[in-house]
N, C-alpha and C. Protein backbone atom coordinates (compact mmCIF):
# COMPACT_ATOMS: atom_id res chain seq x y z
N UNK A 1 16.90 -55.31 -9.08
CA UNK A 1 17.56 -54.85 -10.28
C UNK A 1 16.56 -54.07 -11.12
N UNK A 2 16.94 -52.88 -11.53
CA UNK A 2 16.06 -52.05 -12.34
C UNK A 2 16.66 -51.86 -13.71
N UNK A 3 15.88 -52.15 -14.72
CA UNK A 3 16.30 -51.93 -16.10
C UNK A 3 15.38 -50.87 -16.67
N UNK A 4 15.94 -49.79 -17.24
CA UNK A 4 15.07 -48.74 -17.77
C UNK A 4 14.20 -49.25 -18.91
N UNK A 5 13.03 -48.62 -19.05
CA UNK A 5 12.13 -49.01 -20.14
C UNK A 5 12.73 -48.64 -21.50
N UNK A 6 13.48 -47.58 -21.55
CA UNK A 6 14.04 -47.11 -22.82
C UNK A 6 15.56 -47.10 -22.72
N UNK A 7 16.21 -47.79 -23.61
CA UNK A 7 17.67 -47.83 -23.66
C UNK A 7 18.06 -47.65 -25.12
N UNK A 8 18.54 -46.47 -25.47
CA UNK A 8 18.79 -46.14 -26.87
C UNK A 8 20.27 -46.16 -27.22
N UNK A 9 20.99 -47.21 -26.79
CA UNK A 9 22.37 -47.33 -27.21
C UNK A 9 22.39 -47.57 -28.72
N UNK A 10 23.46 -47.16 -29.40
CA UNK A 10 23.49 -47.28 -30.87
C UNK A 10 23.23 -48.70 -31.38
N UNK A 11 23.78 -49.71 -30.72
CA UNK A 11 23.57 -51.09 -31.18
C UNK A 11 22.10 -51.49 -31.07
N UNK A 12 21.46 -51.10 -29.99
CA UNK A 12 20.04 -51.44 -29.82
C UNK A 12 19.19 -50.72 -30.87
N UNK A 13 19.53 -49.47 -31.14
CA UNK A 13 18.78 -48.73 -32.16
C UNK A 13 18.90 -49.44 -33.51
N UNK A 14 20.09 -49.89 -33.85
CA UNK A 14 20.30 -50.61 -35.12
C UNK A 14 19.48 -51.89 -35.14
N UNK A 15 19.49 -52.65 -34.05
CA UNK A 15 18.73 -53.90 -34.00
C UNK A 15 17.25 -53.65 -34.21
N UNK A 16 16.71 -52.64 -33.54
CA UNK A 16 15.28 -52.38 -33.66
C UNK A 16 14.92 -51.81 -35.02
N UNK A 17 15.86 -51.08 -35.62
CA UNK A 17 15.61 -50.62 -36.99
C UNK A 17 15.56 -51.81 -37.94
N UNK A 18 16.40 -52.81 -37.70
CA UNK A 18 16.36 -54.02 -38.53
C UNK A 18 15.00 -54.70 -38.40
N UNK A 19 14.54 -54.87 -37.18
CA UNK A 19 13.26 -55.56 -36.97
C UNK A 19 12.13 -54.77 -37.62
N UNK A 20 12.12 -53.46 -37.45
CA UNK A 20 11.09 -52.63 -38.07
C UNK A 20 11.16 -52.72 -39.58
N UNK A 21 12.37 -52.61 -40.13
CA UNK A 21 12.55 -52.72 -41.57
C UNK A 21 12.13 -54.08 -42.10
N UNK A 22 12.41 -55.12 -41.32
CA UNK A 22 12.03 -56.48 -41.73
C UNK A 22 10.52 -56.61 -41.79
N UNK A 23 9.82 -56.02 -40.83
CA UNK A 23 8.36 -56.08 -40.86
C UNK A 23 7.80 -55.36 -42.07
N UNK A 24 8.38 -54.23 -42.40
CA UNK A 24 7.94 -53.52 -43.60
C UNK A 24 8.25 -54.36 -44.84
N UNK A 25 9.44 -54.97 -44.87
CA UNK A 25 9.83 -55.81 -46.00
C UNK A 25 8.86 -56.98 -46.19
N UNK A 26 8.42 -57.58 -45.10
CA UNK A 26 7.46 -58.68 -45.19
C UNK A 26 6.21 -58.22 -45.93
N UNK A 27 5.73 -57.04 -45.58
CA UNK A 27 4.53 -56.51 -46.24
C UNK A 27 4.78 -56.22 -47.72
N UNK A 28 5.95 -55.72 -48.04
CA UNK A 28 6.29 -55.46 -49.44
C UNK A 28 6.36 -56.78 -50.21
N UNK A 29 6.98 -57.80 -49.61
CA UNK A 29 7.07 -59.11 -50.27
C UNK A 29 5.69 -59.69 -50.51
N UNK A 30 4.83 -59.61 -49.51
CA UNK A 30 3.47 -60.11 -49.68
C UNK A 30 2.78 -59.36 -50.81
N UNK A 31 2.96 -58.05 -50.87
CA UNK A 31 2.36 -57.27 -51.94
C UNK A 31 2.90 -57.69 -53.30
N UNK A 32 4.22 -57.88 -53.39
CA UNK A 32 4.81 -58.26 -54.68
C UNK A 32 4.40 -59.66 -55.10
N UNK A 33 4.27 -60.58 -54.14
CA UNK A 33 3.90 -61.95 -54.48
C UNK A 33 2.42 -62.10 -54.82
N UNK A 34 1.59 -61.33 -54.14
CA UNK A 34 0.15 -61.51 -54.34
C UNK A 34 -0.45 -60.43 -55.24
N UNK A 35 0.23 -59.30 -55.32
CA UNK A 35 -0.31 -58.20 -56.10
C UNK A 35 -1.48 -57.53 -55.42
N UNK A 36 -1.74 -57.92 -54.20
CA UNK A 36 -2.90 -57.38 -53.49
C UNK A 36 -2.44 -56.43 -52.39
N UNK A 37 -3.11 -55.32 -52.30
CA UNK A 37 -2.89 -54.40 -51.20
C UNK A 37 -4.23 -53.87 -50.77
N UNK A 38 -4.52 -54.01 -49.52
CA UNK A 38 -5.78 -53.52 -48.98
C UNK A 38 -5.47 -52.46 -47.94
N UNK A 39 -5.94 -51.25 -48.21
CA UNK A 39 -5.69 -50.17 -47.24
C UNK A 39 -6.40 -50.47 -45.92
N UNK A 40 -7.55 -51.16 -46.00
CA UNK A 40 -8.26 -51.51 -44.78
C UNK A 40 -7.44 -52.50 -43.94
N UNK A 41 -6.89 -53.52 -44.58
CA UNK A 41 -6.05 -54.48 -43.86
C UNK A 41 -4.81 -53.80 -43.30
N UNK A 42 -4.23 -52.88 -44.07
CA UNK A 42 -3.05 -52.16 -43.61
C UNK A 42 -3.38 -51.34 -42.37
N UNK A 43 -4.52 -50.67 -42.37
CA UNK A 43 -4.91 -49.86 -41.22
C UNK A 43 -5.18 -50.74 -40.00
N UNK A 44 -5.79 -51.92 -40.21
CA UNK A 44 -6.00 -52.84 -39.08
C UNK A 44 -4.66 -53.31 -38.53
N UNK A 45 -3.70 -53.58 -39.42
CA UNK A 45 -2.37 -53.99 -38.97
C UNK A 45 -1.70 -52.89 -38.16
N UNK A 46 -1.81 -51.64 -38.61
CA UNK A 46 -1.25 -50.52 -37.86
C UNK A 46 -1.93 -50.38 -36.49
N UNK A 47 -3.25 -50.52 -36.46
CA UNK A 47 -3.97 -50.42 -35.19
C UNK A 47 -3.55 -51.54 -34.24
N UNK A 48 -3.35 -52.74 -34.78
CA UNK A 48 -2.90 -53.86 -33.95
C UNK A 48 -1.52 -53.57 -33.38
N UNK A 49 -0.61 -53.10 -34.23
CA UNK A 49 0.74 -52.77 -33.76
C UNK A 49 0.72 -51.68 -32.70
N UNK A 50 -0.10 -50.66 -32.91
CA UNK A 50 -0.20 -49.58 -31.92
C UNK A 50 -0.77 -50.10 -30.60
N UNK A 51 -1.75 -51.00 -30.68
CA UNK A 51 -2.32 -51.58 -29.46
C UNK A 51 -1.29 -52.40 -28.70
N UNK A 52 -0.53 -53.21 -29.42
CA UNK A 52 0.50 -54.03 -28.78
C UNK A 52 1.56 -53.14 -28.12
N UNK A 53 1.99 -52.11 -28.84
CA UNK A 53 3.00 -51.20 -28.28
C UNK A 53 2.46 -50.50 -27.02
N UNK A 54 1.20 -50.07 -27.07
CA UNK A 54 0.61 -49.37 -25.94
C UNK A 54 0.49 -50.27 -24.72
N UNK A 55 -0.07 -51.47 -24.89
CA UNK A 55 -0.23 -52.31 -23.70
C UNK A 55 1.09 -52.84 -23.20
N UNK A 56 2.09 -52.95 -24.07
CA UNK A 56 3.41 -53.38 -23.61
C UNK A 56 4.03 -52.32 -22.70
N UNK A 57 3.98 -51.06 -23.12
CA UNK A 57 4.55 -49.98 -22.31
C UNK A 57 3.78 -49.81 -21.01
N UNK A 58 2.45 -49.86 -21.08
CA UNK A 58 1.63 -49.71 -19.88
C UNK A 58 1.89 -50.86 -18.90
N UNK A 59 1.91 -52.09 -19.42
CA UNK A 59 2.14 -53.25 -18.56
C UNK A 59 3.54 -53.23 -17.95
N UNK A 60 4.54 -52.86 -18.75
CA UNK A 60 5.91 -52.82 -18.22
C UNK A 60 6.02 -51.79 -17.10
N UNK A 61 5.45 -50.61 -17.31
CA UNK A 61 5.49 -49.59 -16.27
C UNK A 61 4.68 -50.03 -15.05
N UNK A 62 3.52 -50.64 -15.28
CA UNK A 62 2.67 -51.07 -14.18
C UNK A 62 3.29 -52.17 -13.35
N UNK A 63 3.86 -53.18 -14.00
CA UNK A 63 4.44 -54.30 -13.25
C UNK A 63 5.68 -53.84 -12.47
N UNK A 64 6.36 -52.84 -12.98
CA UNK A 64 7.53 -52.31 -12.24
C UNK A 64 7.14 -51.42 -11.09
N UNK A 65 6.00 -50.76 -11.22
CA UNK A 65 5.55 -49.87 -10.14
C UNK A 65 4.81 -50.63 -9.03
N UNK A 66 4.30 -51.80 -9.34
CA UNK A 66 3.54 -52.59 -8.36
C UNK A 66 4.46 -53.13 -7.27
N UNK A 67 3.91 -53.40 -6.10
CA UNK A 67 4.72 -53.97 -5.01
C UNK A 67 5.34 -55.31 -5.39
N UNK A 68 4.63 -56.10 -6.19
CA UNK A 68 5.17 -57.37 -6.65
C UNK A 68 4.58 -57.68 -8.02
N UNK A 69 5.28 -58.48 -8.79
CA UNK A 69 4.76 -58.87 -10.10
C UNK A 69 3.45 -59.62 -9.94
N UNK A 70 3.37 -60.50 -8.93
CA UNK A 70 2.16 -61.29 -8.73
C UNK A 70 0.95 -60.40 -8.48
N UNK A 71 1.10 -59.35 -7.67
CA UNK A 71 -0.05 -58.49 -7.38
C UNK A 71 -0.53 -57.78 -8.65
N UNK A 72 0.38 -57.31 -9.47
CA UNK A 72 -0.02 -56.66 -10.72
C UNK A 72 -0.72 -57.65 -11.64
N UNK A 73 -0.14 -58.84 -11.79
CA UNK A 73 -0.73 -59.87 -12.66
C UNK A 73 -2.13 -60.22 -12.18
N UNK A 74 -2.29 -60.42 -10.88
CA UNK A 74 -3.60 -60.78 -10.32
C UNK A 74 -4.62 -59.68 -10.58
N UNK A 75 -4.25 -58.42 -10.33
CA UNK A 75 -5.20 -57.32 -10.52
C UNK A 75 -5.54 -57.12 -11.99
N UNK A 76 -4.57 -57.28 -12.86
CA UNK A 76 -4.86 -57.14 -14.30
C UNK A 76 -5.87 -58.19 -14.74
N UNK A 77 -5.64 -59.43 -14.36
CA UNK A 77 -6.55 -60.49 -14.81
C UNK A 77 -7.93 -60.40 -14.14
N UNK A 78 -7.96 -60.04 -12.87
CA UNK A 78 -9.26 -59.89 -12.21
C UNK A 78 -10.07 -58.74 -12.81
N UNK A 79 -9.41 -57.60 -13.03
CA UNK A 79 -10.15 -56.45 -13.56
C UNK A 79 -10.53 -56.65 -15.02
N UNK A 80 -9.60 -57.12 -15.85
CA UNK A 80 -9.94 -57.33 -17.26
C UNK A 80 -10.92 -58.48 -17.44
N UNK A 81 -10.67 -59.59 -16.76
CA UNK A 81 -11.57 -60.74 -16.88
C UNK A 81 -12.96 -60.42 -16.38
N UNK A 82 -13.04 -59.77 -15.24
CA UNK A 82 -14.34 -59.38 -14.70
C UNK A 82 -15.03 -58.37 -15.59
N UNK A 83 -14.28 -57.39 -16.06
CA UNK A 83 -14.86 -56.37 -16.94
C UNK A 83 -15.37 -56.95 -18.25
N UNK A 84 -14.61 -57.84 -18.84
CA UNK A 84 -15.03 -58.47 -20.10
C UNK A 84 -16.26 -59.34 -19.86
N UNK A 85 -16.28 -60.07 -18.75
CA UNK A 85 -17.44 -60.91 -18.44
C UNK A 85 -18.69 -60.06 -18.27
N UNK A 86 -18.58 -58.94 -17.58
CA UNK A 86 -19.74 -58.06 -17.38
C UNK A 86 -20.20 -57.49 -18.73
N UNK A 87 -19.26 -57.04 -19.56
CA UNK A 87 -19.63 -56.49 -20.87
C UNK A 87 -20.36 -57.53 -21.73
N UNK A 88 -19.83 -58.76 -21.76
CA UNK A 88 -20.48 -59.80 -22.55
C UNK A 88 -21.83 -60.18 -21.97
N UNK A 89 -21.95 -60.18 -20.65
CA UNK A 89 -23.24 -60.49 -20.03
C UNK A 89 -24.28 -59.43 -20.41
N UNK A 90 -23.86 -58.18 -20.45
CA UNK A 90 -24.77 -57.11 -20.85
C UNK A 90 -25.08 -57.21 -22.35
N UNK A 91 -24.06 -57.44 -23.15
CA UNK A 91 -24.21 -57.46 -24.60
C UNK A 91 -25.01 -58.66 -25.08
N UNK A 92 -24.67 -59.84 -24.56
CA UNK A 92 -25.31 -61.08 -25.05
C UNK A 92 -26.46 -61.56 -24.16
N UNK A 93 -26.52 -61.05 -22.96
CA UNK A 93 -27.61 -61.43 -22.07
C UNK A 93 -27.55 -62.90 -21.66
N UNK A 94 -28.71 -63.54 -21.59
CA UNK A 94 -28.77 -64.94 -21.14
C UNK A 94 -27.95 -65.90 -22.01
N UNK A 95 -27.79 -65.58 -23.30
CA UNK A 95 -26.99 -66.45 -24.18
C UNK A 95 -25.56 -66.59 -23.66
N UNK A 96 -25.02 -65.49 -23.17
CA UNK A 96 -23.65 -65.53 -22.63
C UNK A 96 -23.59 -66.41 -21.39
N UNK A 97 -24.55 -66.26 -20.51
CA UNK A 97 -24.55 -67.05 -19.28
C UNK A 97 -24.70 -68.54 -19.58
N UNK A 98 -25.55 -68.88 -20.54
CA UNK A 98 -25.72 -70.29 -20.92
C UNK A 98 -24.44 -70.85 -21.53
N UNK A 99 -23.81 -70.07 -22.40
CA UNK A 99 -22.56 -70.52 -23.01
C UNK A 99 -21.47 -70.65 -21.96
N UNK A 100 -21.39 -69.70 -21.04
CA UNK A 100 -20.38 -69.76 -19.99
C UNK A 100 -20.59 -70.97 -19.09
N UNK A 101 -21.84 -71.27 -18.80
CA UNK A 101 -22.14 -72.42 -17.94
C UNK A 101 -21.78 -73.74 -18.62
N UNK A 102 -22.03 -73.83 -19.93
CA UNK A 102 -21.76 -75.09 -20.62
C UNK A 102 -20.29 -75.25 -21.01
N UNK A 103 -19.55 -74.15 -21.09
CA UNK A 103 -18.14 -74.21 -21.52
C UNK A 103 -17.17 -73.81 -20.41
N UNK A 104 -17.56 -73.96 -19.16
CA UNK A 104 -16.74 -73.45 -18.07
C UNK A 104 -15.40 -74.17 -17.96
N UNK A 105 -15.33 -75.46 -18.27
CA UNK A 105 -14.06 -76.18 -18.16
C UNK A 105 -13.05 -75.66 -19.17
N UNK A 106 -13.47 -75.51 -20.41
CA UNK A 106 -12.58 -74.98 -21.44
C UNK A 106 -12.18 -73.54 -21.10
N UNK A 107 -13.13 -72.76 -20.61
CA UNK A 107 -12.83 -71.38 -20.23
C UNK A 107 -11.85 -71.29 -19.07
N UNK A 108 -12.04 -72.16 -18.09
CA UNK A 108 -11.14 -72.18 -16.94
C UNK A 108 -9.72 -72.59 -17.36
N UNK A 109 -9.63 -73.58 -18.22
CA UNK A 109 -8.32 -74.03 -18.71
C UNK A 109 -7.64 -72.93 -19.51
N UNK A 110 -8.37 -72.33 -20.45
CA UNK A 110 -7.80 -71.26 -21.26
C UNK A 110 -7.39 -70.07 -20.39
N UNK A 111 -8.21 -69.74 -19.41
CA UNK A 111 -7.88 -68.64 -18.52
C UNK A 111 -6.63 -68.91 -17.70
N UNK A 112 -6.51 -70.13 -17.17
CA UNK A 112 -5.32 -70.49 -16.38
C UNK A 112 -4.06 -70.44 -17.24
N UNK A 113 -4.15 -70.97 -18.45
CA UNK A 113 -2.98 -70.93 -19.35
C UNK A 113 -2.63 -69.50 -19.73
N UNK A 114 -3.65 -68.68 -19.92
CA UNK A 114 -3.41 -67.28 -20.25
C UNK A 114 -2.71 -66.56 -19.11
N UNK A 115 -3.14 -66.82 -17.88
CA UNK A 115 -2.50 -66.20 -16.71
C UNK A 115 -1.03 -66.62 -16.63
N UNK A 116 -0.76 -67.89 -16.86
CA UNK A 116 0.63 -68.37 -16.79
C UNK A 116 1.48 -67.72 -17.88
N UNK A 117 1.01 -67.76 -19.13
CA UNK A 117 1.85 -67.27 -20.23
C UNK A 117 2.02 -65.75 -20.17
N UNK A 118 0.93 -65.03 -20.00
CA UNK A 118 1.06 -63.58 -19.96
C UNK A 118 1.70 -63.13 -18.64
N UNK A 119 1.42 -63.86 -17.58
CA UNK A 119 2.06 -63.56 -16.30
C UNK A 119 3.58 -63.69 -16.37
N UNK A 120 4.05 -64.70 -17.07
CA UNK A 120 5.51 -64.85 -17.25
C UNK A 120 6.09 -63.69 -18.05
N UNK A 121 5.36 -63.24 -19.07
CA UNK A 121 5.83 -62.10 -19.85
C UNK A 121 5.89 -60.84 -18.97
N UNK A 122 4.87 -60.64 -18.17
CA UNK A 122 4.87 -59.47 -17.29
C UNK A 122 5.99 -59.55 -16.26
N UNK A 123 6.21 -60.72 -15.72
CA UNK A 123 7.29 -60.90 -14.76
C UNK A 123 8.63 -60.59 -15.42
N UNK A 124 8.81 -61.04 -16.66
CA UNK A 124 10.05 -60.75 -17.39
C UNK A 124 10.20 -59.25 -17.62
N UNK A 125 9.10 -58.53 -17.89
CA UNK A 125 9.18 -57.09 -18.08
C UNK A 125 9.68 -56.39 -16.82
N UNK A 126 9.40 -56.97 -15.69
CA UNK A 126 9.86 -56.39 -14.42
C UNK A 126 11.38 -56.52 -14.28
N UNK A 127 11.95 -57.52 -14.91
CA UNK A 127 13.36 -57.84 -14.70
C UNK A 127 14.30 -57.44 -15.83
N UNK A 128 13.78 -57.34 -17.05
CA UNK A 128 14.69 -57.19 -18.18
C UNK A 128 14.39 -56.00 -19.07
N UNK A 129 15.10 -55.98 -20.18
CA UNK A 129 14.98 -54.95 -21.20
C UNK A 129 13.65 -55.14 -21.94
N UNK A 130 12.72 -54.24 -21.72
CA UNK A 130 11.36 -54.40 -22.21
C UNK A 130 11.31 -54.44 -23.73
N UNK A 131 12.04 -53.59 -24.39
CA UNK A 131 11.97 -53.55 -25.86
C UNK A 131 12.42 -54.88 -26.45
N UNK A 132 13.52 -55.41 -25.96
CA UNK A 132 14.01 -56.69 -26.47
C UNK A 132 13.05 -57.83 -26.12
N UNK A 133 12.56 -57.83 -24.90
CA UNK A 133 11.63 -58.89 -24.48
C UNK A 133 10.34 -58.86 -25.29
N UNK A 134 9.82 -57.68 -25.54
CA UNK A 134 8.57 -57.61 -26.30
C UNK A 134 8.78 -58.03 -27.74
N UNK A 135 9.93 -57.71 -28.31
CA UNK A 135 10.22 -58.16 -29.68
C UNK A 135 10.36 -59.68 -29.72
N UNK A 136 11.05 -60.23 -28.75
CA UNK A 136 11.20 -61.69 -28.71
C UNK A 136 9.86 -62.37 -28.45
N UNK A 137 9.01 -61.73 -27.69
CA UNK A 137 7.70 -62.30 -27.41
C UNK A 137 6.87 -62.46 -28.68
N UNK A 138 7.09 -61.58 -29.63
CA UNK A 138 6.33 -61.65 -30.88
C UNK A 138 6.78 -62.80 -31.77
N UNK A 139 7.86 -63.49 -31.38
CA UNK A 139 8.26 -64.68 -32.15
C UNK A 139 7.26 -65.81 -31.97
N UNK A 140 6.27 -65.62 -31.13
CA UNK A 140 5.22 -66.62 -30.99
C UNK A 140 4.50 -66.83 -32.32
N UNK A 141 4.63 -65.88 -33.22
CA UNK A 141 4.06 -66.03 -34.57
C UNK A 141 4.62 -67.28 -35.23
N UNK A 142 5.88 -67.59 -34.94
CA UNK A 142 6.50 -68.79 -35.51
C UNK A 142 5.80 -70.06 -35.02
N UNK A 143 5.39 -70.06 -33.76
CA UNK A 143 4.66 -71.21 -33.23
C UNK A 143 3.29 -71.32 -33.90
N UNK A 144 2.67 -70.19 -34.15
CA UNK A 144 1.40 -70.20 -34.87
C UNK A 144 1.55 -70.78 -36.27
N UNK A 145 2.64 -70.43 -36.93
CA UNK A 145 2.91 -70.99 -38.26
C UNK A 145 3.13 -72.49 -38.18
N UNK A 146 3.89 -72.92 -37.19
CA UNK A 146 4.16 -74.35 -37.00
C UNK A 146 2.85 -75.12 -36.74
N UNK A 147 2.00 -74.60 -35.90
CA UNK A 147 0.71 -75.24 -35.62
C UNK A 147 -0.14 -75.30 -36.89
N UNK A 148 -0.14 -74.19 -37.66
CA UNK A 148 -0.93 -74.16 -38.90
C UNK A 148 -0.45 -75.22 -39.89
N UNK A 149 0.86 -75.40 -39.99
CA UNK A 149 1.40 -76.35 -40.95
C UNK A 149 1.23 -77.79 -40.47
N UNK A 150 1.60 -78.06 -39.22
CA UNK A 150 1.61 -79.44 -38.71
C UNK A 150 0.20 -79.96 -38.43
N UNK A 151 -0.61 -79.17 -37.74
CA UNK A 151 -1.91 -79.67 -37.30
C UNK A 151 -3.06 -79.32 -38.24
N UNK A 152 -2.99 -78.14 -38.83
CA UNK A 152 -4.08 -77.71 -39.71
C UNK A 152 -3.79 -77.99 -41.17
N UNK A 153 -2.59 -78.49 -41.44
CA UNK A 153 -2.18 -78.87 -42.80
C UNK A 153 -2.27 -77.72 -43.79
N UNK A 154 -1.97 -76.50 -43.32
CA UNK A 154 -1.96 -75.35 -44.21
C UNK A 154 -0.63 -75.29 -44.95
N UNK A 155 -0.64 -74.79 -46.17
CA UNK A 155 0.62 -74.73 -46.93
C UNK A 155 1.51 -73.59 -46.43
N UNK A 156 2.81 -73.76 -46.62
CA UNK A 156 3.76 -72.68 -46.32
C UNK A 156 3.99 -71.94 -47.63
N UNK A 157 3.36 -70.80 -47.75
CA UNK A 157 3.53 -70.00 -48.96
C UNK A 157 4.87 -69.29 -48.91
N UNK A 158 5.28 -68.74 -50.04
CA UNK A 158 6.55 -68.00 -50.07
C UNK A 158 6.52 -66.81 -49.12
N UNK A 159 5.38 -66.14 -49.03
CA UNK A 159 5.26 -65.00 -48.13
C UNK A 159 5.38 -65.43 -46.67
N UNK A 160 4.74 -66.55 -46.31
CA UNK A 160 4.85 -67.05 -44.93
C UNK A 160 6.28 -67.47 -44.63
N UNK A 161 6.91 -68.15 -45.57
CA UNK A 161 8.29 -68.59 -45.35
C UNK A 161 9.21 -67.38 -45.19
N UNK A 162 9.03 -66.37 -46.03
CA UNK A 162 9.86 -65.16 -45.93
C UNK A 162 9.64 -64.48 -44.58
N UNK A 163 8.39 -64.41 -44.15
CA UNK A 163 8.09 -63.81 -42.86
C UNK A 163 8.72 -64.58 -41.71
N UNK A 164 8.61 -65.91 -41.76
CA UNK A 164 9.18 -66.75 -40.69
C UNK A 164 10.69 -66.60 -40.62
N UNK A 165 11.35 -66.60 -41.77
CA UNK A 165 12.81 -66.46 -41.79
C UNK A 165 13.21 -65.09 -41.26
N UNK A 166 12.48 -64.06 -41.66
CA UNK A 166 12.80 -62.70 -41.21
C UNK A 166 12.62 -62.57 -39.70
N UNK A 167 11.53 -63.13 -39.18
CA UNK A 167 11.30 -63.07 -37.73
C UNK A 167 12.38 -63.84 -36.98
N UNK A 168 12.73 -65.02 -37.47
CA UNK A 168 13.76 -65.82 -36.82
C UNK A 168 15.11 -65.10 -36.84
N UNK A 169 15.47 -64.51 -37.97
CA UNK A 169 16.73 -63.76 -38.05
C UNK A 169 16.72 -62.56 -37.11
N UNK A 170 15.59 -61.87 -37.05
CA UNK A 170 15.49 -60.72 -36.14
C UNK A 170 15.63 -61.14 -34.69
N UNK A 171 14.98 -62.24 -34.32
CA UNK A 171 15.08 -62.73 -32.93
C UNK A 171 16.52 -63.15 -32.65
N UNK A 172 17.14 -63.82 -33.60
CA UNK A 172 18.54 -64.22 -33.41
C UNK A 172 19.45 -63.01 -33.24
N UNK A 173 19.22 -61.98 -34.02
CA UNK A 173 20.01 -60.77 -33.92
C UNK A 173 19.82 -60.10 -32.57
N UNK A 174 18.58 -60.06 -32.09
CA UNK A 174 18.32 -59.46 -30.78
C UNK A 174 19.01 -60.20 -29.66
N UNK A 175 18.98 -61.53 -29.73
CA UNK A 175 19.58 -62.35 -28.68
C UNK A 175 21.10 -62.30 -28.77
N UNK A 176 21.63 -62.41 -29.97
CA UNK A 176 23.09 -62.49 -30.15
C UNK A 176 23.80 -61.21 -29.78
N UNK A 177 23.15 -60.08 -29.93
CA UNK A 177 23.82 -58.80 -29.69
C UNK A 177 23.41 -58.14 -28.40
N UNK A 178 22.78 -58.87 -27.51
CA UNK A 178 22.34 -58.25 -26.26
C UNK A 178 23.47 -58.16 -25.26
């Protein structure tokens, strides 16, 4: 089954405009509640969004072009993991090797969990509507909020609550109208 990367039916365009507008609204609410606006933070947020959009499109195209989802996932993790390890070994030298040797169990666990979670997302990109899947994938922010509140005992500010509600409504709209 092949699902195109881009599907611009009117209903989908409306849904994605809602999600985009909601993200802008979250930033406006934060500005109004805190009175703070940092152009540097805004530029970092834009760069983060552009990076996510870029790797999502590249990964979706790559996993669909590969002979199997597993082969693409394996090559991505081997090349990125190996490349990052080499860069850190060059950058940090013996300190990196000592840290890697002493923290190998935690690193192995984190790496395995990363392969499973990101591998599932890549596999889903091979099968479904990439734009909707990537938007739903970003609802992981809600889990981060839940962890922050339950385990780290952080307060739920009005801005965080507004963001969580907006993200949940956007995800519900994406799922309900698919």
